[in-house]
Amino acid sequence: MTIRQMTEADIPAVIEIEHECFTSEQWNEVDFIYRLGDRETFISLVAEDNGKVVGYIAAAEIPDEYYLDSIAVTADYRKKGIATRLMEEAFDVPEFGVTLEVRESNVAAIGLYVRNGFYVVSCRRSYYDNPVEDAIVMRRSEISED
């Protein structure tokens, strides 16, 4: 398994993963191309197994913090630590915290985040559309260097 920078050639596979994993609020080709054009701000990585893109992470580095926009792994590769590896590679500045939103019904994702040191901060009512659902805001504090 290799974790590497996403390229434009990866976008069709990443969009396929989007369609498999998310029923609404899917990103499109333009969203990913825009992010690839600004590698100073946006983090876009893929997990690749034998030449096949099997997962991705999209995040942003904002002053003194990361924001996790999206992470997904195709069904055949879940529960193999790929999402954790993507987060470890993406969030490589230990003194930065990470914030994200997740659908309150996405129990598997919430479990992944808790296992990776995230905790619930708040709830955003009716944050998601199609279907309307609350978002759980989670955060992982910076990792102490001492």
Protein backbone atom coordinates (compact mmCIF):
# COMPACT_ATOMS: atom_id res chain seq x y z
CA MET A 1 0.00 0.00 0.00
CA THR A 2 1.36 3.37 -1.03
CA ILE A 3 0.19 6.80 0.18
CA ARG A 4 1.08 9.54 -2.30
CA GLN A 5 0.07 12.93 -3.65
CA MET A 6 -3.11 12.90 -5.71
CA THR A 7 -2.70 13.77 -9.40
CA GLU A 8 -5.24 14.76 -12.05
CA ALA A 9 -4.99 11.22 -13.44
CA ASP A 10 -6.35 9.93 -10.10
CA ILE A 11 -9.50 12.06 -10.14
CA PRO A 12 -11.76 9.60 -12.04
CA ALA A 13 -10.96 6.86 -9.50
CA VAL A 14 -11.42 9.28 -6.59
CA ILE A 15 -14.82 10.36 -7.95
CA GLU A 16 -15.78 6.70 -8.27
CA ILE A 17 -14.93 6.27 -4.57
CA GLU A 18 -17.01 9.39 -3.83
CA HIS A 19 -20.04 7.83 -5.53
CA GLU A 20 -19.53 4.55 -3.68
CA CYS A 21 -19.10 6.11 -0.25
CA PHE A 22 -21.33 9.18 -0.21
CA THR A 23 -24.96 9.39 -1.24
CA SER A 24 -25.10 13.18 -1.18
CA GLU A 25 -22.77 16.17 -1.06
CA GLN A 26 -20.34 14.56 -3.49
CA TRP A 27 -17.38 16.46 -4.84
CA ASN A 28 -16.80 16.71 -8.57
CA GLU A 29 -13.79 16.91 -10.85
CA VAL A 30 -13.60 20.71 -10.59
CA ASP A 31 -13.42 20.53 -6.78
CA PHE A 32 -10.43 18.20 -6.91
CA ILE A 33 -8.63 20.05 -9.73
CA TYR A 34 -8.98 23.31 -7.78
CA ARG A 35 -7.35 21.72 -4.74
CA LEU A 36 -4.53 20.24 -6.78
CA GLY A 37 -3.73 23.74 -8.00
CA ASP A 38 -3.01 25.01 -4.48
CA ARG A 39 -0.79 22.50 -2.68
CA GLU A 40 0.27 25.19 -0.19
CA THR A 41 -3.22 25.19 1.34
CA PHE A 42 -4.83 21.90 0.32
CA ILE A 43 -3.72 18.37 1.08
CA SER A 44 -4.86 15.76 -1.44
CA LEU A 45 -3.50 12.24 -1.03
CA VAL A 46 -4.48 8.84 -2.36
CA ALA A 47 -3.93 5.31 -1.11
CA GLU A 48 -2.87 3.03 -3.94
CA ASP A 49 -2.65 -0.76 -3.99
CA ASN A 50 -1.01 -2.39 -7.01
CA GLY A 51 -1.77 0.63 -9.20
CA LYS A 52 -5.39 0.94 -8.05
CA VAL A 53 -6.58 3.99 -6.09
CA VAL A 54 -8.47 2.58 -3.11
CA GLY A 55 -8.85 5.64 -0.89
CA TYR A 56 -8.20 9.34 -0.58
CA ILE A 57 -8.06 12.23 1.85
CA ALA A 58 -8.77 15.90 1.17
CA ALA A 59 -7.86 18.42 3.83
CA ALA A 60 -6.76 22.01 4.25
CA GLU A 61 -3.97 23.53 6.27
CA ILE A 62 -5.21 26.71 7.84
CA PRO A 63 -3.21 28.80 10.30
CA ASP A 64 -2.09 26.48 13.10
CA GLU A 65 -4.70 23.84 12.30
CA TYR A 66 -5.83 21.24 9.78
CA TYR A 67 -9.40 20.86 8.55
CA LEU A 68 -10.41 17.41 7.30
CA ASP A 69 -12.75 17.95 4.36
CA SER A 70 -13.21 14.39 3.17
CA ILE A 71 -11.78 10.91 3.56
CA ALA A 72 -13.00 7.70 1.96
CA VAL A 73 -11.85 4.15 1.33
CA THR A 74 -13.48 1.76 -1.11
CA ALA A 75 -15.49 -1.04 0.53
CA ASP A 76 -13.06 -3.87 -0.31
CA TYR A 77 -10.24 -2.07 1.53
CA ARG A 78 -11.99 -0.87 4.68
CA LYS A 79 -10.91 -1.99 8.15
CA LYS A 80 -7.30 -2.37 7.01
CA GLY A 81 -5.94 0.83 8.55
CA ILE A 82 -5.89 2.78 5.28
CA ALA A 83 -7.90 5.75 6.56
CA THR A 84 -5.62 5.97 9.60
CA ARG A 85 -2.54 5.90 7.37
CA LEU A 86 -4.01 8.63 5.16
CA MET A 87 -4.62 10.82 8.22
CA GLU A 88 -1.14 10.17 9.61
CA GLU A 89 0.44 11.18 6.30
CA ALA A 90 -1.78 14.21 5.76
CA PHE A 91 -1.49 15.67 9.24
CA ASP A 92 2.27 15.65 9.58
CA VAL A 93 2.69 18.75 11.78
CA PRO A 94 2.18 17.33 15.28
CA GLU A 95 1.63 20.68 16.95
CA PHE A 96 -1.44 21.34 14.76
CA GLY A 97 -4.92 20.23 15.77
CA VAL A 98 -7.45 18.78 13.32
CA THR A 99 -11.16 19.64 13.04
CA LEU A 100 -13.91 17.91 11.04
CA GLU A 101 -17.66 17.45 10.70
CA VAL A 102 -19.31 14.05 10.32
CA ARG A 103 -22.93 12.99 9.86
CA GLU A 104 -24.31 11.92 13.22
CA SER A 105 -25.53 8.65 11.65
CA ASN A 106 -22.06 7.74 10.33
CA VAL A 107 -21.17 5.51 13.26
CA ALA A 108 -18.28 3.82 11.44
CA ALA A 109 -16.58 7.15 10.69
CA ILE A 110 -17.15 8.44 14.22
CA GLY A 111 -15.54 5.25 15.55
CA LEU A 112 -12.55 5.74 13.23
CA TYR A 113 -12.10 9.30 14.43
CA VAL A 114 -12.39 8.37 18.12
CA ARG A 115 -9.77 5.62 17.64
CA ASN A 116 -7.52 8.29 16.14
CA GLY A 117 -7.80 10.66 19.09
CA PHE A 118 -10.76 12.85 18.06
CA TYR A 119 -13.42 13.95 20.52
CA VAL A 120 -16.82 15.59 20.11
CA VAL A 121 -16.79 19.38 20.34
CA SER A 122 -20.32 20.35 19.32
CA CYS A 123 -23.25 19.67 17.04
CA ARG A 124 -24.32 21.67 13.98
CA ARG A 125 -28.07 21.30 13.56
CA SER A 126 -29.34 20.47 10.06
CA TYR A 127 -25.83 20.92 8.64
CA TYR A 128 -26.21 18.29 5.90
CA ASP A 129 -28.76 18.13 3.10
CA ASN A 130 -30.24 15.16 1.28
CA PRO A 131 -31.16 13.95 3.84
CA VAL A 132 -31.14 16.76 6.35
CA GLU A 133 -29.02 15.67 9.27
CA ASP A 134 -26.99 17.14 12.10
CA ALA A 135 -23.21 17.21 11.96
CA ILE A 136 -21.04 16.20 14.86
CA VAL A 137 -18.03 18.52 15.08
CA MET A 138 -14.93 16.67 16.23
CA ARG A 139 -11.41 17.76 17.02
CA ARG A 140 -8.07 16.18 17.68
CA SER A 141 -5.82 18.43 19.71
CA GLU A 142 -2.21 18.92 18.83
CA ILE A 143 0.18 16.18 19.86
CA SER A 144 2.55 17.14 22.63
CA GLU A 145 6.24 16.91 21.77
CA ASP A 146 7.41 16.36 25.39
